[in-house]
Amino acid sequence: MIAKLTGLLDAIGTDEVVIDVNGVGYLVFCSARTLRSFEKAGDPITIFVETHVREDHIHLFGFGDQNERDWFRLLTTVQGVGAKVALAILGTLSPDDLVNAMISEDKAALTRAPGVGPRLAVRLLAELKEKSVDLNVVKQPDTLKTSDDHTSLVSDAVSVLINLGYGRSAAFSAVAQVAQAIGVDADVESLVKAALRELSA
């Protein structure tokens, strides 16, 4: 099994690259996010690989880091999510975006990915939340573990931002970040103000 490739970028396609490793060209399928990280042919690159072996083919899927590869593996365990849809999700949402979507249960964020409709988004949220805890992929922010009161403040602040037109994942991420900085002195007003500054930065 191939786990990592280091070589020269030979060519970039619409959803794949060819990597020259000592004269052997490997065709590797990548997410749009990973493809955007490559610059030009001839550049030295290293990518982490997930190898899929089937009766009729062997496909290599490449990722810029191990975290993205872990998410690909996790996504493809969900019923209805094949490699193509998993790559589409990772091309639209970063691993951090996926973590926020899981924690905040943001179905809309997942449906931004091509091939993910509302029903699949619900299944993703349900299955991934359970599986990601087992694999330690999603770690809940410390701000949400302090107390029920603090969790309620965070939830209220997120609701205010959503009512102001921000997406659930973006609102949750901003509030979680500022809540950690403000600490136990936080109230809804201070969380919202600080989160708005964070979102406008």
Protein backbone atom coordinates (compact mmCIF):
# COMPACT_ATOMS: atom_id res chain seq x y z
CA MET A 1 0.00 0.00 0.00
CA ILE A 2 1.25 3.48 -0.85
CA ALA A 3 0.98 5.89 2.11
CA LYS A 4 3.05 8.85 0.92
CA LEU A 5 4.67 10.10 -2.27
CA THR A 6 7.55 12.54 -2.62
CA GLY A 7 8.63 13.63 -6.06
CA LEU A 8 8.22 16.29 -8.74
CA LEU A 9 4.86 17.66 -9.86
CA ASP A 10 4.61 16.50 -13.46
CA ALA A 11 1.11 17.70 -14.40
CA ILE A 12 -2.04 19.14 -12.83
CA GLY A 13 -5.50 18.15 -14.12
CA THR A 14 -9.02 19.15 -13.11
CA ASP A 15 -9.17 16.67 -10.24
CA GLU A 16 -5.83 14.88 -10.33
CA VAL A 17 -2.08 15.34 -10.49
CA VAL A 18 0.76 13.27 -11.90
CA ILE A 19 3.74 12.97 -9.58
CA ASP A 20 7.09 11.88 -11.00
CA VAL A 21 8.87 9.71 -8.44
CA ASN A 22 12.25 8.66 -9.81
CA GLY A 23 10.92 8.44 -13.36
CA VAL A 24 7.62 6.74 -12.47
CA GLY A 25 4.48 8.84 -12.90
CA TYR A 26 1.76 8.32 -10.30
CA LEU A 27 -1.76 9.53 -11.10
CA VAL A 28 -3.25 10.82 -7.84
CA PHE A 29 -6.80 12.15 -7.38
CA CYS A 30 -6.99 15.20 -5.09
CA SER A 31 -9.54 17.58 -3.60
CA ALA A 32 -9.82 21.07 -5.06
CA ARG A 33 -8.26 22.40 -1.85
CA THR A 34 -5.18 20.20 -2.26
CA LEU A 35 -4.91 21.04 -5.96
CA ARG A 36 -4.89 24.76 -5.13
CA SER A 37 -1.85 24.23 -2.92
CA PHE A 38 0.25 23.17 -5.92
CA GLU A 39 1.89 25.87 -8.01
CA LYS A 40 3.61 24.65 -11.15
CA ALA A 41 4.99 21.60 -12.88
CA GLY A 42 8.50 20.73 -11.81
CA ASP A 43 7.99 21.73 -8.16
CA PRO A 44 9.01 19.18 -5.54
CA ILE A 45 5.97 17.99 -3.55
CA THR A 46 5.03 15.51 -0.86
CA ILE A 47 1.49 14.23 -0.48
CA PHE A 48 -0.12 11.72 1.85
CA VAL A 49 -1.94 8.95 0.02
CA GLU A 50 -4.95 6.75 0.58
CA THR A 51 -4.85 3.71 -1.72
CA HIS A 52 -8.11 2.12 -2.87
CA VAL A 53 -7.75 -1.32 -4.44
CA ARG A 54 -10.71 -2.70 -6.37
CA GLU A 55 -11.13 -5.64 -8.75
CA ASP A 56 -10.97 -3.38 -11.79
CA HIS A 57 -8.65 -0.59 -10.66
CA ILE A 58 -6.20 0.84 -8.14
CA HIS A 59 -6.80 4.51 -7.29
CA LEU A 60 -4.56 6.81 -5.32
CA PHE A 61 -6.08 9.76 -3.45
CA GLY A 62 -3.69 12.48 -2.30
CA PHE A 63 -3.84 15.02 0.53
CA GLY A 64 -1.73 17.91 1.72
CA ASP A 65 -1.62 16.65 5.30
CA GLN A 66 -2.55 13.64 7.39
CA ASN A 67 -5.53 15.42 8.96
CA GLU A 68 -7.22 15.80 5.57
CA ARG A 69 -6.47 12.15 4.80
CA ASP A 70 -8.01 11.10 8.13
CA TRP A 71 -11.17 13.05 7.27
CA PHE A 72 -11.31 11.41 3.83
CA ARG A 73 -11.15 8.00 5.47
CA LEU A 74 -13.87 9.00 7.91
CA LEU A 75 -16.15 10.52 5.28
CA THR A 76 -16.01 7.40 3.09
CA THR A 77 -17.34 5.28 5.97
CA VAL A 78 -20.67 7.12 5.73
CA GLN A 79 -23.34 5.38 3.65
CA GLY A 80 -23.76 7.17 0.34
CA VAL A 81 -20.34 8.89 0.46
CA GLY A 82 -17.85 7.53 -2.02
CA ALA A 83 -14.39 8.84 -2.79
CA LYS A 84 -15.70 11.42 -5.28
CA VAL A 85 -18.17 12.97 -2.82
CA ALA A 86 -15.59 12.86 -0.01
CA LEU A 87 -13.13 14.79 -2.19
CA ALA A 88 -15.87 17.28 -3.08
CA ILE A 89 -16.58 17.85 0.62
CA LEU A 90 -12.89 18.32 1.41
CA GLY A 91 -12.54 20.67 -1.54
CA THR A 92 -15.32 22.84 -0.10
CA LEU A 93 -14.72 22.54 3.65
CA SER A 94 -11.39 22.40 5.45
CA PRO A 95 -10.93 19.89 8.29
CA ASP A 96 -11.48 22.77 10.75
CA ASP A 97 -14.71 23.70 8.92
CA LEU A 98 -15.85 20.09 9.21
CA VAL A 99 -15.12 20.06 12.93
CA ASN A 100 -17.18 23.22 13.40
CA ALA A 101 -19.99 21.80 11.27
CA MET A 102 -20.06 18.61 13.35
CA ILE A 103 -20.07 20.41 16.70
CA SER A 104 -22.58 23.09 15.69
CA GLU A 105 -24.68 20.59 13.67
CA ASP A 106 -24.54 22.89 10.65
CA LYS A 107 -26.34 21.02 7.87
CA ALA A 108 -26.20 24.03 5.54
CA ALA A 109 -22.39 24.09 5.59
CA LEU A 110 -22.25 20.49 4.37
CA THR A 111 -24.74 21.07 1.56
CA ARG A 112 -22.34 23.62 0.03
CA ALA A 113 -20.29 20.67 -1.20
CA PRO A 114 -21.24 19.32 -4.65
CA GLY A 115 -23.16 16.07 -4.36
CA VAL A 116 -24.34 16.66 -0.79
CA GLY A 117 -28.07 17.26 -0.45
CA PRO A 118 -30.04 17.90 2.75
CA ARG A 119 -30.70 14.20 3.45
CA LEU A 120 -27.05 13.23 3.03
CA ALA A 121 -26.00 16.19 5.17
CA VAL A 122 -28.24 14.95 8.00
CA ARG A 123 -26.74 11.46 7.68
CA LEU A 124 -23.22 12.90 7.69
CA LEU A 125 -23.89 14.86 10.86
CA ALA A 126 -25.42 11.85 12.62
CA GLU A 127 -22.80 9.29 11.61
CA LEU A 128 -19.71 11.48 11.72
CA LYS A 129 -20.40 12.87 15.17
CA GLU A 130 -20.42 9.34 16.56
CA LYS A 131 -17.49 8.05 14.52
CA SER A 132 -15.30 11.14 14.92
CA VAL A 133 -15.47 10.89 18.71
CA ASP A 134 -14.26 7.30 18.52
CA LEU A 135 -11.36 8.28 16.26
CA ASN A 136 -10.53 11.48 18.15
CA VAL A 137 -10.86 13.49 14.94
CA VAL A 138 -13.25 16.02 16.47
CA LYS A 139 -12.13 17.50 19.74
CA GLN A 140 -14.71 19.69 21.41
CA PRO A 141 -13.33 23.14 22.30
CA ASP A 142 -12.40 23.61 25.96
CA THR A 143 -14.81 26.54 26.09
CA LEU A 144 -17.72 24.13 25.77
CA LYS A 145 -16.55 21.90 28.60
CA THR A 146 -16.42 24.43 31.40
CA SER A 147 -20.00 24.49 32.65
CA ASP A 148 -23.62 24.32 31.56
CA ASP A 149 -23.97 28.09 32.14
CA HIS A 150 -20.98 28.84 29.93
CA THR A 151 -22.27 26.48 27.24
CA SER A 152 -25.62 28.29 27.37
CA LEU A 153 -23.87 31.65 26.91
CA VAL A 154 -22.00 30.32 23.89
CA SER A 155 -25.21 28.93 22.41
CA ASP A 156 -27.06 32.23 22.96
CA ALA A 157 -24.24 34.23 21.37
CA VAL A 158 -24.19 31.89 18.36
CA SER A 159 -27.98 32.35 17.99
CA VAL A 160 -27.57 36.14 17.97
CA LEU A 161 -24.96 35.95 15.21
CA ILE A 162 -27.13 33.58 13.16
CA ASN A 163 -30.01 36.06 13.48
CA LEU A 164 -27.63 38.73 12.17
CA GLY A 165 -27.11 36.64 9.04
CA TYR A 166 -23.92 34.70 9.77
CA GLY A 167 -23.69 30.99 9.00
CA ARG A 168 -23.92 28.57 11.91
CA SER A 169 -20.40 27.18 11.51
CA ALA A 170 -18.78 30.60 11.16
CA ALA A 171 -20.72 31.93 14.14
CA PHE A 172 -19.88 28.92 16.28
CA SER A 173 -16.18 29.06 15.38
CA ALA A 174 -15.92 32.78 16.18
CA VAL A 175 -17.79 32.51 19.49
CA ALA A 176 -15.83 29.45 20.60
CA GLN A 177 -12.58 31.24 19.86
CA VAL A 178 -13.41 34.46 21.70
CA ALA A 179 -15.04 32.60 24.60
CA GLN A 180 -11.73 30.89 25.27
CA ALA A 181 -9.95 34.26 25.30
CA ILE A 182 -12.52 36.02 27.49
CA GLY A 183 -12.89 33.11 29.90
CA VAL A 184 -15.28 32.94 32.85
CA ASP A 185 -16.04 36.69 32.74
CA ALA A 186 -17.89 36.28 29.44
CA ASP A 187 -21.51 37.27 28.97
CA VAL A 188 -23.62 37.13 25.82
CA GLU A 189 -23.02 40.79 24.91
CA SER A 190 -19.23 40.58 25.26
CA LEU A 191 -19.14 37.31 23.32
CA VAL A 192 -21.20 38.74 20.46
CA LYS A 193 -19.14 41.94 20.24
CA ALA A 194 -15.84 40.06 20.29
CA ALA A 195 -17.13 37.50 17.78
CA LEU A 196 -18.26 40.25 15.42
CA ARG A 197 -14.76 41.71 15.52
CA GLU A 198 -13.37 38.27 14.80
CA LEU A 199 -15.73 37.74 11.87
CA SER A 200 -14.95 41.14 10.35
CA ALA A 201 -11.16 40.72 10.68
